[in-house]
Amino acid sequence: MTAITPAKELMIVFSLLFFVTVLASCFFPS
């Protein structure tokens, strides 16, 4: 983990979290 580009890593983590949330909402509709 590089401290030079924290924004890029944060964006990757956020996009992964969003992708997992969308998948969960598709598989488990409330």
Protein backbone atom coordinates (compact mmCIF):
# COMPACT_ATOMS: atom_id res chain seq x y z
CA MET A 1 0.00 0.00 0.00
CA THR A 2 1.55 3.24 -1.16
CA ALA A 3 0.96 6.47 0.71
CA ILE A 4 1.50 8.45 -2.50
CA THR A 5 -1.89 7.68 -4.01
CA PRO A 6 -4.40 7.13 -1.20
CA ALA A 7 -7.24 8.55 -3.28
CA LYS A 8 -6.88 5.90 -5.99
CA GLU A 9 -6.89 3.04 -3.49
CA LEU A 10 -9.87 4.59 -1.70
CA MET A 11 -11.74 4.79 -5.01
CA ILE A 12 -10.95 1.12 -5.72
CA VAL A 13 -12.23 0.06 -2.31
CA PHE A 14 -15.33 2.24 -2.69
CA SER A 15 -16.12 0.84 -6.14
CA LEU A 16 -15.67 -2.72 -4.84
CA LEU A 17 -18.01 -1.97 -1.95
CA PHE A 18 -20.55 -0.52 -4.37
CA PHE A 19 -20.28 -3.57 -6.64
CA VAL A 20 -20.83 -5.94 -3.71
CA THR A 21 -23.81 -3.89 -2.53
CA VAL A 22 -25.41 -4.03 -5.99
CA LEU A 23 -24.81 -7.77 -6.20
CA ALA A 24 -26.32 -8.27 -2.74
CA SER A 25 -29.37 -6.19 -3.65
CA CYS A 26 -29.82 -8.27 -6.81
CA PHE A 27 -29.53 -11.59 -4.99
CA PHE A 28 -31.41 -10.52 -1.86
CA PRO A 29 -34.18 -8.08 -2.79
CA SER A 30 -35.68 -6.50 0.30
